[in-house]
Every structure is written in structure tokens, then in C-alpha cells.
Amino acid sequence: RIQHVNIPWKKIAGLRDILIHVYFEVDLDLVWKIVKKNIPKLKGQITEIEDKLER
């Protein structure tokens, strides 16, 4: 986490906590918007980390 401060670790953990603890009250439209907007960016960031680790 310290090496990759551009990744929103707290937001990722926060969403996980909401999904685990308040599942029946989750706004699925909001979750879908988060997935569509943020997952592609996060995937790119993770790919960059993987590339650096493979060097």
C-alpha cells in the first residue's frame, strides 16, 4: 500500500465492508456505477504493478 499510494485502498476496503455487512441494503445501481467507472482504472493500476514485479 505504501508503494502504491495512487490506488484507493480505503475506498476498496470500504466497499467490501458495505457489501459484506449490509448486503440487503446495498444500492445495486450504485455498485454497478462504481464497477463501470473504477474497475477499468484499477485494472490498469494492477497491471502496472504486475509489470514492475516481473522485471
N, C-alpha and C. Protein backbone atom coordinates (compact mmCIF):
# COMPACT_ATOMS: atom_id res chain seq x y z
N ARG A 1 0.82 -1.20 0.00
CA ARG A 1 0.00 0.00 0.00
C ARG A 1 0.85 1.25 0.00
N ILE A 2 1.92 1.22 0.74
CA ILE A 2 2.79 2.39 0.83
C ILE A 2 3.43 2.68 -0.52
N GLN A 3 3.79 1.64 -1.25
CA GLN A 3 4.44 1.82 -2.54
C GLN A 3 3.47 2.25 -3.64
N HIS A 4 2.18 2.05 -3.42
CA HIS A 4 1.18 2.32 -4.46
C HIS A 4 0.08 3.21 -3.90
N VAL A 5 0.46 4.43 -3.59
CA VAL A 5 -0.47 5.36 -2.94
C VAL A 5 -1.56 5.85 -3.88
N ASN A 6 -1.39 5.65 -5.19
CA ASN A 6 -2.40 6.09 -6.15
C ASN A 6 -3.61 5.16 -6.21
N ILE A 7 -3.52 4.02 -5.56
CA ILE A 7 -4.65 3.08 -5.52
C ILE A 7 -5.50 3.42 -4.29
N PRO A 8 -6.81 3.56 -4.48
CA PRO A 8 -7.68 3.96 -3.37
C PRO A 8 -8.00 2.81 -2.41
N TRP A 9 -7.00 2.39 -1.65
CA TRP A 9 -7.13 1.22 -0.78
C TRP A 9 -8.30 1.35 0.19
N LYS A 10 -8.47 2.51 0.81
CA LYS A 10 -9.54 2.68 1.80
C LYS A 10 -10.91 2.56 1.15
N LYS A 11 -11.06 3.10 -0.05
CA LYS A 11 -12.35 3.01 -0.74
C LYS A 11 -12.66 1.56 -1.12
N ILE A 12 -11.64 0.84 -1.54
CA ILE A 12 -11.83 -0.57 -1.89
C ILE A 12 -12.27 -1.36 -0.66
N ALA A 13 -11.58 -1.16 0.44
CA ALA A 13 -11.93 -1.86 1.68
C ALA A 13 -13.30 -1.42 2.18
N GLY A 14 -13.62 -0.14 2.03
CA GLY A 14 -14.91 0.37 2.47
C GLY A 14 -16.06 -0.26 1.70
N LEU A 15 -15.90 -0.39 0.38
CA LEU A 15 -16.94 -1.03 -0.42
C LEU A 15 -17.09 -2.48 -0.02
N ARG A 16 -15.99 -3.14 0.20
CA ARG A 16 -16.04 -4.54 0.65
C ARG A 16 -16.80 -4.66 1.96
N ASP A 17 -16.52 -3.76 2.90
CA ASP A 17 -17.21 -3.79 4.19
C ASP A 17 -18.72 -3.61 4.02
N ILE A 18 -19.11 -2.68 3.16
CA ILE A 18 -20.53 -2.45 2.92
C ILE A 18 -21.17 -3.70 2.33
N LEU A 19 -20.52 -4.30 1.35
CA LEU A 19 -21.09 -5.48 0.70
C LEU A 19 -21.19 -6.66 1.65
N ILE A 20 -20.24 -6.79 2.56
CA ILE A 20 -20.24 -7.91 3.49
C ILE A 20 -21.26 -7.71 4.62
N HIS A 21 -21.32 -6.50 5.16
CA HIS A 21 -22.10 -6.28 6.38
C HIS A 21 -23.51 -5.74 6.16
N VAL A 22 -23.77 -5.13 5.02
CA VAL A 22 -25.08 -4.51 4.81
C VAL A 22 -25.65 -4.96 3.47
N TYR A 23 -25.45 -6.20 3.14
CA TYR A 23 -25.75 -6.71 1.81
C TYR A 23 -27.17 -6.40 1.35
N PHE A 24 -28.15 -6.59 2.21
CA PHE A 24 -29.54 -6.44 1.77
C PHE A 24 -29.95 -4.99 1.59
N GLU A 25 -29.13 -4.06 2.02
CA GLU A 25 -29.43 -2.65 1.86
C GLU A 25 -28.54 -1.99 0.81
N VAL A 26 -27.80 -2.77 0.08
CA VAL A 26 -26.86 -2.24 -0.91
C VAL A 26 -27.63 -1.72 -2.12
N ASP A 27 -27.26 -0.54 -2.59
CA ASP A 27 -27.83 0.04 -3.80
C ASP A 27 -27.08 -0.56 -4.99
N LEU A 28 -27.71 -1.52 -5.65
CA LEU A 28 -27.04 -2.24 -6.73
C LEU A 28 -26.70 -1.32 -7.91
N ASP A 29 -27.52 -0.31 -8.15
CA ASP A 29 -27.21 0.65 -9.22
C ASP A 29 -25.92 1.40 -8.90
N LEU A 30 -25.75 1.78 -7.64
CA LEU A 30 -24.53 2.47 -7.23
C LEU A 30 -23.32 1.56 -7.36
N VAL A 31 -23.47 0.32 -6.95
CA VAL A 31 -22.36 -0.64 -7.07
C VAL A 31 -21.98 -0.81 -8.55
N TRP A 32 -22.98 -0.91 -9.42
CA TRP A 32 -22.70 -1.07 -10.85
C TRP A 32 -21.96 0.15 -11.40
N LYS A 33 -22.37 1.34 -11.00
CA LYS A 33 -21.69 2.56 -11.45
C LYS A 33 -20.23 2.57 -10.98
N ILE A 34 -20.01 2.14 -9.75
CA ILE A 34 -18.64 2.06 -9.23
C ILE A 34 -17.82 1.07 -10.04
N VAL A 35 -18.41 -0.07 -10.33
CA VAL A 35 -17.71 -1.10 -11.10
C VAL A 35 -17.36 -0.57 -12.49
N LYS A 36 -18.32 0.02 -13.17
CA LYS A 36 -18.09 0.51 -14.53
C LYS A 36 -17.06 1.63 -14.58
N LYS A 37 -17.07 2.51 -13.58
CA LYS A 37 -16.19 3.66 -13.58
C LYS A 37 -14.79 3.33 -13.06
N ASN A 38 -14.70 2.55 -12.01
CA ASN A 38 -13.44 2.39 -11.29
C ASN A 38 -12.66 1.12 -11.60
N ILE A 39 -13.33 0.05 -11.94
CA ILE A 39 -12.63 -1.21 -12.16
C ILE A 39 -11.65 -1.12 -13.34
N PRO A 40 -12.01 -0.52 -14.47
CA PRO A 40 -11.03 -0.42 -15.55
C PRO A 40 -9.76 0.33 -15.14
N LYS A 41 -9.92 1.41 -14.40
CA LYS A 41 -8.76 2.18 -13.93
C LYS A 41 -7.93 1.33 -12.96
N LEU A 42 -8.60 0.67 -12.03
CA LEU A 42 -7.91 -0.17 -11.05
C LEU A 42 -7.18 -1.32 -11.75
N LYS A 43 -7.81 -1.89 -12.76
CA LYS A 43 -7.18 -2.98 -13.51
C LYS A 43 -5.87 -2.50 -14.14
N GLY A 44 -5.89 -1.30 -14.70
CA GLY A 44 -4.68 -0.73 -15.28
C GLY A 44 -3.59 -0.53 -14.24
N GLN A 45 -3.97 -0.07 -13.06
CA GLN A 45 -3.00 0.15 -11.99
C GLN A 45 -2.40 -1.18 -11.53
N ILE A 46 -3.23 -2.20 -11.43
CA ILE A 46 -2.74 -3.51 -11.01
C ILE A 46 -1.82 -4.10 -12.07
N THR A 47 -2.16 -3.91 -13.33
CA THR A 47 -1.30 -4.38 -14.42
C THR A 47 0.07 -3.72 -14.35
N GLU A 48 0.11 -2.43 -14.06
CA GLU A 48 1.39 -1.72 -13.92
C GLU A 48 2.22 -2.32 -12.78
N ILE A 49 1.57 -2.63 -11.67
CA ILE A 49 2.27 -3.23 -10.53
C ILE A 49 2.83 -4.59 -10.93
N GLU A 50 2.00 -5.40 -11.60
CA GLU A 50 2.46 -6.73 -12.04
C GLU A 50 3.67 -6.61 -12.97
N ASP A 51 3.61 -5.66 -13.90
CA ASP A 51 4.73 -5.47 -14.83
C ASP A 51 6.01 -5.12 -14.09
N LYS A 52 5.92 -4.27 -13.09
CA LYS A 52 7.10 -3.88 -12.31
C LYS A 52 7.65 -5.07 -11.52
N LEU A 53 6.77 -5.90 -11.01
CA LEU A 53 7.21 -7.05 -10.22
C LEU A 53 7.89 -8.11 -11.09
N GLU A 54 7.51 -8.18 -12.36
CA GLU A 54 8.07 -9.19 -13.25
C GLU A 54 9.46 -8.82 -13.75
N ARG A 55 9.87 -7.58 -13.57
CA ARG A 55 11.19 -7.14 -14.06
C ARG A 55 12.30 -7.70 -13.23
